[in-house]
Structure formats: C-alpha cells, structure tokens
PDB file of N, CA and C in Angstrom:
ATOM      1  N   MET A   1     215.232  47.117 111.174  1.00  0.00           N
ATOM      2  CA  MET A   1     214.200  46.793 110.227  1.00  0.00           C
ATOM      3  C   MET A   1     213.211  45.847 110.916  1.00  0.00           C
ATOM      4  N   LYS A   2     211.954  46.022 110.606  1.00  0.00           N
ATOM      5  CA  LYS A   2     210.912  45.194 111.221  1.00  0.00           C
ATOM      6  C   LYS A   2     210.293  44.274 110.178  1.00  0.00           C
ATOM      7  N   LEU A   3     209.906  43.096 110.634  1.00  0.00           N
ATOM      8  CA  LEU A   3     209.295  42.096 109.767  1.00  0.00           C
ATOM      9  C   LEU A   3     207.824  41.951 110.139  1.00  0.00           C
ATOM     10  N   PHE A   4     206.963  42.004 109.125  1.00  0.00           N
ATOM     11  CA  PHE A   4     205.519  41.839 109.300  1.00  0.00           C
ATOM     12  C   PHE A   4     205.045  40.716 108.392  1.00  0.00           C
ATOM     13  N   THR A   5     203.912  40.123 108.744  1.00  0.00           N
ATOM     14  CA  THR A   5     203.283  39.120 107.895  1.00  0.00           C
ATOM     15  C   THR A   5     201.810  39.491 107.723  1.00  0.00           C
ATOM     16  N   LEU A   6     201.242  39.089 106.600  1.00  0.00           N
ATOM     17  CA  LEU A   6     199.839  39.393 106.325  1.00  0.00           C
ATOM     18  C   LEU A   6     198.900  38.494 107.116  1.00  0.00           C
ATOM     19  N   LYS A   7     197.886  39.095 107.730  1.00  0.00           N
ATOM     20  CA  LYS A   7     196.850  38.334 108.440  1.00  0.00           C
ATOM     21  C   LYS A   7     195.794  37.813 107.472  1.00  0.00           C
ATOM     22  N   THR A   8     195.528  38.585 106.423  1.00  0.00           N
ATOM     23  CA  THR A   8     194.508  38.240 105.426  1.00  0.00           C
ATOM     24  C   THR A   8     195.060  38.563 104.039  1.00  0.00           C
ATOM     25  N   ASN A   9     194.387  38.094 102.998  1.00  0.00           N
ATOM     26  CA  ASN A   9     194.777  38.483 101.640  1.00  0.00           C
ATOM     27  C   ASN A   9     194.626  39.999 101.513  1.00  0.00           C
ATOM     28  N   PHE A  10     195.574  40.642 100.807  1.00  0.00           N
ATOM     29  CA  PHE A  10     195.593  42.101 100.754  1.00  0.00           C
ATOM     30  C   PHE A  10     196.272  42.560  99.470  1.00  0.00           C
ATOM     31  N   HIS A  11     195.571  43.315  98.654  1.00  0.00           N
ATOM     32  CA  HIS A  11     196.111  43.902  97.413  1.00  0.00           C
ATOM     33  C   HIS A  11     196.853  42.885  96.549  1.00  0.00           C
ATOM     34  N   GLY A  12     196.287  41.699  96.398  1.00  0.00           N
ATOM     35  CA  GLY A  12     196.884  40.680  95.548  1.00  0.00           C
ATOM     36  C   GLY A  12     197.944  39.813  96.212  1.00  0.00           C
ATOM     37  N   TYR A  13     198.272  40.082  97.464  1.00  0.00           N
ATOM     38  CA  TYR A  13     199.239  39.265  98.209  1.00  0.00           C
ATOM     39  C   TYR A  13     198.465  38.295  99.096  1.00  0.00           C
ATOM     40  N   LYS A  14     198.978  37.088  99.221  1.00  0.00           N
ATOM     41  CA  LYS A  14     198.289  36.052  99.991  1.00  0.00           C
ATOM     42  C   LYS A  14     198.619  36.129 101.478  1.00  0.00           C
ATOM     43  N   LYS A  15     197.683  35.672 102.282  1.00  0.00           N
ATOM     44  CA  LYS A  15     197.861  35.574 103.726  1.00  0.00           C
ATOM     45  C   LYS A  15     199.179  34.857 104.022  1.00  0.00           C
ATOM     46  N   GLY A  16     199.963  35.392 104.970  1.00  0.00           N
ATOM     47  CA  GLY A  16     201.229  34.787 105.348  1.00  0.00           C
ATOM     48  C   GLY A  16     202.440  35.368 104.637  1.00  0.00           C
ATOM     49  N   THR A  17     202.224  36.177 103.593  1.00  0.00           N
ATOM     50  CA  THR A  17     203.343  36.810 102.895  1.00  0.00           C
ATOM     51  C   THR A  17     204.085  37.709 103.877  1.00  0.00           C
ATOM     52  N   GLU A  18     205.408  37.634 103.867  1.00  0.00           N
ATOM     53  CA  GLU A  18     206.219  38.430 104.788  1.00  0.00           C
ATOM     54  C   GLU A  18     206.699  39.711 104.117  1.00  0.00           C
ATOM     55  N   PHE A  19     206.721  40.787 104.894  1.00  0.00           N
ATOM     56  CA  PHE A  19     207.125  42.103 104.411  1.00  0.00           C
ATOM     57  C   PHE A  19     208.119  42.735 105.383  1.00  0.00           C
ATOM     58  N   TYR A  20     209.059  43.491 104.828  1.00  0.00           N
ATOM     59  CA  TYR A  20     209.941  44.334 105.623  1.00  0.00           C
ATOM     60  C   TYR A  20     209.339  45.731 105.665  1.00  0.00           C
ATOM     61  N   LEU A  21     209.382  46.369 106.828  1.00  0.00           N
ATOM     62  CA  LEU A  21     208.980  47.769 106.932  1.00  0.00           C
ATOM     63  C   LEU A  21     210.169  48.599 106.480  1.00  0.00           C
ATOM     64  N   ILE A  22     210.033  49.300 105.366  1.00  0.00           N
ATOM     65  CA  ILE A  22     211.126  50.054 104.772  1.00  0.00           C
ATOM     66  C   ILE A  22     211.133  51.497 105.258  1.00  0.00           C
ATOM     67  N   ALA A  23     209.959  52.125 105.317  1.00  0.00           N
ATOM     68  CA  ALA A  23     209.905  53.541 105.692  1.00  0.00           C
ATOM     69  C   ALA A  23     208.600  53.866 106.407  1.00  0.00           C
ATOM     70  N   GLU A  24     208.691  54.834 107.326  1.00  0.00           N
ATOM     71  CA  GLU A  24     207.522  55.385 108.010  1.00  0.00           C
ATOM     72  C   GLU A  24     207.582  56.894 107.853  1.00  0.00           C
ATOM     73  N   SER A  25     206.447  57.516 107.640  1.00  0.00           N
ATOM     74  CA  SER A  25     206.415  58.975 107.593  1.00  0.00           C
ATOM     75  C   SER A  25     205.131  59.462 108.244  1.00  0.00           C
ATOM     76  N   GLU A  26     205.193  60.685 108.732  1.00  0.00           N
ATOM     77  CA  GLU A  26     204.022  61.281 109.372  1.00  0.00           C
ATOM     78  C   GLU A  26     203.916  62.720 108.933  1.00  0.00           C
ATOM     79  N   PHE A  27     202.722  63.109 108.492  1.00  0.00           N
ATOM     80  CA  PHE A  27     202.458  64.477 108.079  1.00  0.00           C
ATOM     81  C   PHE A  27     201.126  64.904 108.676  1.00  0.00           C
ATOM     82  N   ILE A  28     201.161  65.876 109.552  1.00  0.00           N
ATOM     83  CA  ILE A  28     199.979  66.405 110.232  1.00  0.00           C
ATOM     84  C   ILE A  28     199.140  65.272 110.844  1.00  0.00           C
ATOM     85  N   GLY A  29     199.800  64.394 111.582  1.00  0.00           N
ATOM     86  CA  GLY A  29     199.112  63.341 112.308  1.00  0.00           C
ATOM     87  C   GLY A  29     198.710  62.122 111.502  1.00  0.00           C
ATOM     88  N   VAL A  30     199.010  62.103 110.198  1.00  0.00           N
ATOM     89  CA  VAL A  30     198.668  60.966 109.360  1.00  0.00           C
ATOM     90  C   VAL A  30     199.949  60.180 109.076  1.00  0.00           C
ATOM     91  N   LYS A  31     199.957  58.917 109.488  1.00  0.00           N
ATOM     92  CA  LYS A  31     201.138  58.083 109.295  1.00  0.00           C
ATOM     93  C   LYS A  31     200.983  57.227 108.047  1.00  0.00           C
ATOM     94  N   ASP A  32     202.070  57.128 107.285  1.00  0.00           N
ATOM     95  CA  ASP A  32     202.138  56.266 106.113  1.00  0.00           C
ATOM     96  C   ASP A  32     203.303  55.312 106.277  1.00  0.00           C
ATOM     97  N   PHE A  33     203.144  54.101 105.752  1.00  0.00           N
ATOM     98  CA  PHE A  33     204.173  53.073 105.859  1.00  0.00           C
ATOM     99  C   PHE A  33     204.438  52.481 104.484  1.00  0.00           C
ATOM    100  N   VAL A  34     205.710  52.197 104.209  1.00  0.00           N
ATOM    101  CA  VAL A  34     206.097  51.525 102.973  1.00  0.00           C
ATOM    102  C   VAL A  34     206.676  50.177 103.361  1.00  0.00           C
ATOM    103  N   LEU A  35     206.114  49.120 102.796  1.00  0.00           N
ATOM    104  CA  LEU A  35     206.581  47.767 103.066  1.00  0.00           C
ATOM    105  C   LEU A  35     206.995  47.103 101.758  1.00  0.00           C
ATOM    106  N   ARG A  36     208.022  46.247 101.831  1.00  0.00           N
ATOM    107  CA  ARG A  36     208.476  45.474 100.674  1.00  0.00           C
ATOM    108  C   ARG A  36     208.435  44.010 101.043  1.00  0.00           C
ATOM    109  N   THR A  37     208.108  43.170 100.067  1.00  0.00           N
ATOM    110  CA  THR A  37     208.135  41.733 100.308  1.00  0.00           C
ATOM    111  C   THR A  37     209.570  41.312 100.607  1.00  0.00           C
ATOM    112  N   THR A  38     209.739  40.189 101.274  1.00  0.00           N
ATOM    113  CA  THR A  38     211.084  39.755 101.669  1.00  0.00           C
ATOM    114  C   THR A  38     211.975  39.444 100.474  1.00  0.00           C
ATOM    115  N   ASP A  39     211.373  39.129  99.324  1.00  0.00           N
ATOM    116  CA  ASP A  39     212.191  38.919  98.122  1.00  0.00           C
ATOM    117  C   ASP A  39     212.404  40.226  97.349  1.00  0.00           C
ATOM    118  N   LEU A  40     211.879  41.332  97.894  1.00  0.00           N
ATOM    119  CA  LEU A  40     212.027  42.699  97.380  1.00  0.00           C
ATOM    120  C   LEU A  40     211.391  42.933  96.010  1.00  0.00           C
ATOM    121  N   THR A  41     210.478  42.075  95.581  1.00  0.00           N
ATOM    122  CA  THR A  41     209.815  42.268  94.291  1.00  0.00           C
ATOM    123  C   THR A  41     208.528  43.075  94.407  1.00  0.00           C
ATOM    124  N   GLY A  42     207.885  43.045  95.566  1.00  0.00           N
ATOM    125  CA  GLY A  42     206.618  43.748  95.748  1.00  0.00           C
ATOM    126  C   GLY A  42     206.758  44.903  96.715  1.00  0.00           C
ATOM    127  N   ARG A  43     205.880  45.914  96.552  1.00  0.00           N
ATOM    128  CA  ARG A  43     205.922  47.104  97.405  1.00  0.00           C
ATOM    129  C   ARG A  43     204.496  47.590  97.633  1.00  0.00           C
ATOM    130  N   VAL A  44     204.183  47.965  98.887  1.00  0.00           N
ATOM    131  CA  VAL A  44     202.893  48.574  99.203  1.00  0.00           C
ATOM    132  C   VAL A  44     203.121  49.792 100.080  1.00  0.00           C
ATOM    133  N   SER A  45     202.310  50.801  99.853  1.00  0.00           N
ATOM    134  CA  SER A  45     202.313  52.002 100.679  1.00  0.00           C
ATOM    135  C   SER A  45     200.938  52.080 101.329  1.00  0.00           C
ATOM    136  N   ILE A  46     200.905  52.050 102.674  1.00  0.00           N
ATOM    137  CA  ILE A  46     199.632  51.917 103.381  1.00  0.00           C
ATOM    138  C   ILE A  46     199.535  52.902 104.543  1.00  0.00           C
ATOM    139  N   SER A  47     198.317  53.065 105.040  1.00  0.00           N
ATOM    140  CA  SER A  47     198.070  53.917 106.205  1.00  0.00           C
ATOM    141  C   SER A  47     198.269  53.109 107.486  1.00  0.00           C
ATOM    142  N   GLU A  48     198.263  53.805 108.599  1.00  0.00           N
ATOM    143  CA  GLU A  48     198.409  53.149 109.898  1.00  0.00           C
ATOM    144  C   GLU A  48     197.249  52.191 110.165  1.00  0.00           C
ATOM    145  N   ASP A  49     196.040  52.578 109.786  1.00  0.00           N
ATOM    146  CA  ASP A  49     194.869  51.713 109.987  1.00  0.00           C
ATOM    147  C   ASP A  49     194.986  50.416 109.184  1.00  0.00           C
ATOM    148  N   GLU A  50     195.449  50.519 107.937  1.00  0.00           N
ATOM    149  CA  GLU A  50     195.622  49.320 107.120  1.00  0.00           C
ATOM    150  C   GLU A  50     196.711  48.422 107.701  1.00  0.00           C
ATOM    151  N   LEU A  51     197.773  49.016 108.248  1.00  0.00           N
ATOM    152  CA  LEU A  51     198.838  48.233 108.868  1.00  0.00           C
ATOM    153  C   LEU A  51     198.295  47.437 110.043  1.00  0.00           C
ATOM    154  N   ARG A  52     197.535  48.098 110.913  1.00  0.00           N
ATOM    155  CA  ARG A  52     196.972  47.417 112.088  1.00  0.00           C
ATOM    156  C   ARG A  52     195.975  46.332 111.712  1.00  0.00           C
ATOM    157  N   LYS A  53     195.156  46.608 110.696  1.00  0.00           N
ATOM    158  CA  LYS A  53     194.087  45.687 110.318  1.00  0.00           C
ATOM    159  C   LYS A  53     194.608  44.449 109.577  1.00  0.00           C
ATOM    160  N   ASN A  54     195.596  44.623 108.714  1.00  0.00           N
ATOM    161  CA  ASN A  54     195.991  43.551 107.801  1.00  0.00           C
ATOM    162  C   ASN A  54     197.343  42.904 108.075  1.00  0.00           C
ATOM    163  N   PHE A  55     198.165  43.509 108.928  1.00  0.00           N
ATOM    164  CA  PHE A  55     199.510  42.993 109.140  1.00  0.00           C
ATOM    165  C   PHE A  55     199.748  42.641 110.607  1.00  0.00           C
ATOM    166  N   LEU A  56     200.610  41.657 110.809  1.00  0.00           N
ATOM    167  CA  LEU A  56     200.974  41.197 112.137  1.00  0.00           C
ATOM    168  C   LEU A  56     202.482  41.368 112.302  1.00  0.00           C
ATOM    169  N   PHE A  57     202.901  42.072 113.355  1.00  0.00           N
ATOM    170  CA  PHE A  57     204.325  42.252 113.626  1.00  0.00           C
ATOM    171  C   PHE A  57     204.928  40.912 114.013  1.00  0.00           C
ATOM    172  N   VAL A  58     206.068  40.551 113.386  1.00  0.00           N
ATOM    173  CA  VAL A  58     206.727  39.287 113.667  1.00  0.00           C
ATOM    174  C   VAL A  58     207.922  39.517 114.573  1.00  0.00           C
ATOM    175  N   LYS A  59     208.870  40.349 114.120  1.00  0.00           N
ATOM    176  CA  LYS A  59     210.035  40.623 114.953  1.00  0.00           C
ATOM    177  C   LYS A  59     210.822  41.800 114.422  1.00  0.00           C
ATOM    178  N   ASP A  60     211.658  42.339 115.296  1.00  0.00           N
ATOM    179  CA  ASP A  60     212.563  43.431 114.943  1.00  0.00           C
ATOM    180  C   ASP A  60     213.889  42.800 114.546  1.00  0.00           C
ATOM    181  N   LEU A  61     214.348  43.064 113.343  1.00  0.00           N
ATOM    182  CA  LEU A  61     215.538  42.428 112.813  1.00  0.00           C
ATOM    183  C   LEU A  61     216.821  43.216 113.075  1.00  0.00           C
ATOM    184  N   THR A  62     216.702  44.359 113.711  1.00  0.00           N
ATOM    185  CA  THR A  62     217.904  45.146 113.983  1.00  0.00           C
ATOM    186  C   THR A  62     218.732  44.455 115.043  1.00  0.00           C
ATOM    187  N   THR A  63     220.028  44.494 114.883  1.00  0.00           N
ATOM    188  CA  THR A  63     220.923  43.868 115.853  1.00  0.00           C
ATOM    189  C   THR A  63     221.610  44.953 116.662  1.00  0.00           C
ATOM    190  N   LYS A  64     221.849  44.659 117.907  1.00  0.00           N
ATOM    191  CA  LYS A  64     222.525  45.611 118.774  1.00  0.00           C
ATOM    192  C   LYS A  64     223.975  45.207 118.886  1.00  0.00           C
ATOM    193  N   ILE A  65     224.843  46.148 118.576  1.00  0.00           N
ATOM    194  CA  ILE A  65     226.278  45.907 118.660  1.00  0.00           C
ATOM    195  C   ILE A  65     226.822  46.710 119.818  1.00  0.00           C
ATOM    196  N   TYR A  66     227.493  46.031 120.717  1.00  0.00           N
ATOM    197  CA  TYR A  66     228.035  46.696 121.906  1.00  0.00           C
ATOM    198  C   TYR A  66     229.521  46.854 121.790  1.00  0.00           C
TER     199      TYR A  66
END
C-alpha cells in the first residue's frame, strides 16, 4: 500500500491530508486511482493527471517478509 499527501486543497480536503492508494485501474491507456483518507472516512477517485498535480508520494507501506 502506498501513502500520499495532498500538495494543495482538493475536493474539500485540506493540504497535508494523508491518503492510502487503495486501487489502480487502466482501461485503453487511461489510468484511474482510488484513494482513501488514513482514517478511512473519505474516498476520492481520480485520474493520473490529478494524482500527479495534487498529490505527493510519501512512502510505500508494504513490508517484505523473507
């Protein structure tokens, strides 16, 4: 799971709000992303351009087990 934070205010969420990337999908070259707030109360579905413009990647939360 990846963690993102908002660079600017976006769809009623304030700058700095943290989101988990829940799902990615691609259909005929168009990518869509679903993000949820870290408290899981909010949800946004956005395009790749909106992700790049408004969100900043923080870190990958997946753990590697050997």
